[in-house]
Amino acid sequence: MQSPCPRVLLVHDDELMWDFVVRVLEPEGYAVEVTTPANSVSRLEVGDINLVLLDLGWPESTGLDLCMRMRRLPAAAHVPIVALTDFPSETRDVLAFGIGPDEFLSKPFVMEDLLAVVARHCAAR
């Protein structure tokens, strides 16, 4: 099945998560590219990414800081960002106020949740 939103950038440091996301999304027609926080902003500047799945828990920086940097990129201003988090919902709502993730997907999540979130943001484009 060809997706209307084929290019997904996964910014995550866990190989198990990489494998899971790729195994779920690629058969549905999505091209998944995995990157680190250090390379994610420059990767978004290219302008061919349709959706970002961004882990918020990083040892060297916060995913919320990275989200703010992504939102400032003219080439990526229209790109939906789904924050992957295990933060309690009350904390993430306060932290995210004004920063710009379009949605949160709480870890651990199942295949159906991931597909639904990706499809929803791709359909809205």
Protein backbone atom coordinates (compact mmCIF):
# COMPACT_ATOMS: atom_id res chain seq x y z
CA MET A 1 0.00 0.00 0.00
CA GLN A 2 1.43 3.38 -0.97
CA SER A 3 1.27 5.97 1.76
CA PRO A 4 0.42 9.65 1.18
CA CYS A 5 3.20 10.48 3.64
CA PRO A 6 6.08 8.20 2.76
CA ARG A 7 9.11 9.75 4.53
CA VAL A 8 9.24 9.33 8.31
CA LEU A 9 12.24 10.49 10.33
CA LEU A 10 12.72 8.55 13.56
CA VAL A 11 14.93 10.35 16.09
CA HIS A 12 15.64 7.72 18.70
CA ASP A 13 18.62 6.02 20.34
CA ASP A 14 17.22 2.55 20.97
CA GLU A 15 17.86 -0.12 18.32
CA LEU A 16 14.87 -2.15 19.48
CA MET A 17 12.66 0.87 18.84
CA TRP A 18 14.26 1.38 15.42
CA ASP A 19 13.53 -2.22 14.48
CA PHE A 20 9.97 -2.05 15.76
CA VAL A 21 9.11 1.18 13.92
CA VAL A 22 10.68 -0.01 10.67
CA ARG A 23 8.93 -3.42 10.86
CA VAL A 24 5.57 -1.71 11.44
CA LEU A 25 5.75 1.20 8.99
CA GLU A 26 7.73 -0.03 5.98
CA PRO A 27 5.22 -2.75 4.99
CA GLU A 28 2.58 0.01 4.95
CA GLY A 29 4.57 2.00 2.37
CA TYR A 30 6.44 4.41 4.63
CA ALA A 31 10.17 4.98 4.19
CA VAL A 32 11.67 5.20 7.67
CA GLU A 33 14.97 6.96 8.22
CA VAL A 34 16.63 6.70 11.62
CA THR A 35 18.89 9.46 12.90
CA THR A 36 20.44 10.83 16.06
CA PRO A 37 19.55 14.14 17.69
CA ALA A 38 22.83 15.63 16.44
CA ASN A 39 21.95 14.91 12.81
CA SER A 40 18.20 15.42 12.91
CA VAL A 41 18.07 19.18 12.41
CA SER A 42 20.38 19.12 9.39
CA ARG A 43 18.40 16.18 8.01
CA LEU A 44 15.16 18.13 8.28
CA GLU A 45 16.67 21.07 6.42
CA VAL A 46 16.75 18.95 3.26
CA GLY A 47 12.97 19.30 3.11
CA ASP A 48 11.84 15.81 2.09
CA ILE A 49 10.62 14.52 5.46
CA ASN A 50 6.86 14.30 5.97
CA LEU A 51 6.65 13.27 9.63
CA VAL A 52 9.03 13.18 12.62
CA LEU A 53 8.84 10.63 15.40
CA LEU A 54 10.92 12.23 18.14
CA ASP A 55 12.02 10.55 21.35
CA LEU A 56 11.94 13.06 24.20
CA GLY A 57 14.31 11.27 26.57
CA TRP A 58 17.95 11.96 25.66
CA PRO A 59 20.94 11.78 27.98
CA GLU A 60 22.77 14.70 26.36
CA SER A 61 19.83 17.06 25.77
CA THR A 62 16.09 17.13 25.95
CA GLY A 63 13.83 16.18 23.12
CA LEU A 64 11.77 19.27 23.86
CA ASP A 65 14.79 21.48 23.10
CA LEU A 66 15.29 19.59 19.88
CA CYS A 67 11.63 19.99 19.00
CA MET A 68 11.94 23.77 19.44
CA ARG A 69 14.96 23.81 17.10
CA MET A 70 13.06 21.76 14.52
CA ARG A 71 10.08 24.12 14.67
CA ARG A 72 12.33 27.08 13.81
CA LEU A 73 13.44 25.52 10.51
CA PRO A 74 11.66 27.10 7.54
CA ALA A 75 11.97 23.85 5.55
CA ALA A 76 10.32 21.88 8.35
CA ALA A 77 7.74 24.31 9.72
CA HIS A 78 4.91 22.26 8.18
CA VAL A 79 6.24 18.85 9.28
CA PRO A 80 4.20 17.19 12.04
CA ILE A 81 6.21 16.07 15.06
CA VAL A 82 5.00 13.18 17.18
CA ALA A 83 6.79 13.05 20.52
CA LEU A 84 7.55 9.58 21.82
CA THR A 85 7.63 9.75 25.59
CA ASP A 86 7.32 7.93 28.83
CA PHE A 87 6.82 11.21 30.73
CA PRO A 88 3.65 11.34 32.82
CA SER A 89 0.89 13.12 30.89
CA GLU A 90 0.65 16.05 33.30
CA THR A 91 4.38 16.76 33.03
CA ARG A 92 4.52 16.52 29.27
CA ASP A 93 1.52 18.81 28.83
CA VAL A 94 3.22 21.53 30.89
CA LEU A 95 6.61 21.00 29.23
CA ALA A 96 5.17 21.04 25.73
CA PHE A 97 3.10 24.18 26.10
CA GLY A 98 4.15 26.38 23.21
CA ILE A 99 6.97 24.10 22.05
CA GLY A 100 5.13 22.38 19.27
CA PRO A 101 4.85 18.60 19.21
CA ASP A 102 1.66 17.89 17.33
CA GLU A 103 0.94 14.82 19.40
CA PHE A 104 2.39 12.55 22.06
CA LEU A 105 2.63 8.80 21.80
CA SER A 106 3.24 7.27 25.22
CA LYS A 107 5.75 4.44 25.50
CA PRO A 108 5.33 1.59 25.50
CA PHE A 109 2.98 1.63 22.55
CA VAL A 110 1.66 -1.10 20.27
CA MET A 111 1.72 -1.45 16.51
CA GLU A 112 -1.90 -0.29 16.09
CA ASP A 113 -1.25 2.93 18.05
CA LEU A 114 1.82 3.75 15.96
CA LEU A 115 0.00 3.12 12.68
CA ALA A 116 -3.00 5.19 13.77
CA VAL A 117 -0.88 8.20 14.80
CA VAL A 118 1.20 8.13 11.62
CA ALA A 119 -1.87 7.70 9.39
CA ARG A 120 -3.72 10.52 11.18
CA HIS A 121 -0.92 13.04 10.67
CA CYS A 122 -0.36 11.97 7.10
CA ALA A 123 -4.05 12.25 6.25
CA ALA A 124 -4.19 15.76 7.71
CA ARG A 125 -1.48 17.01 5.34
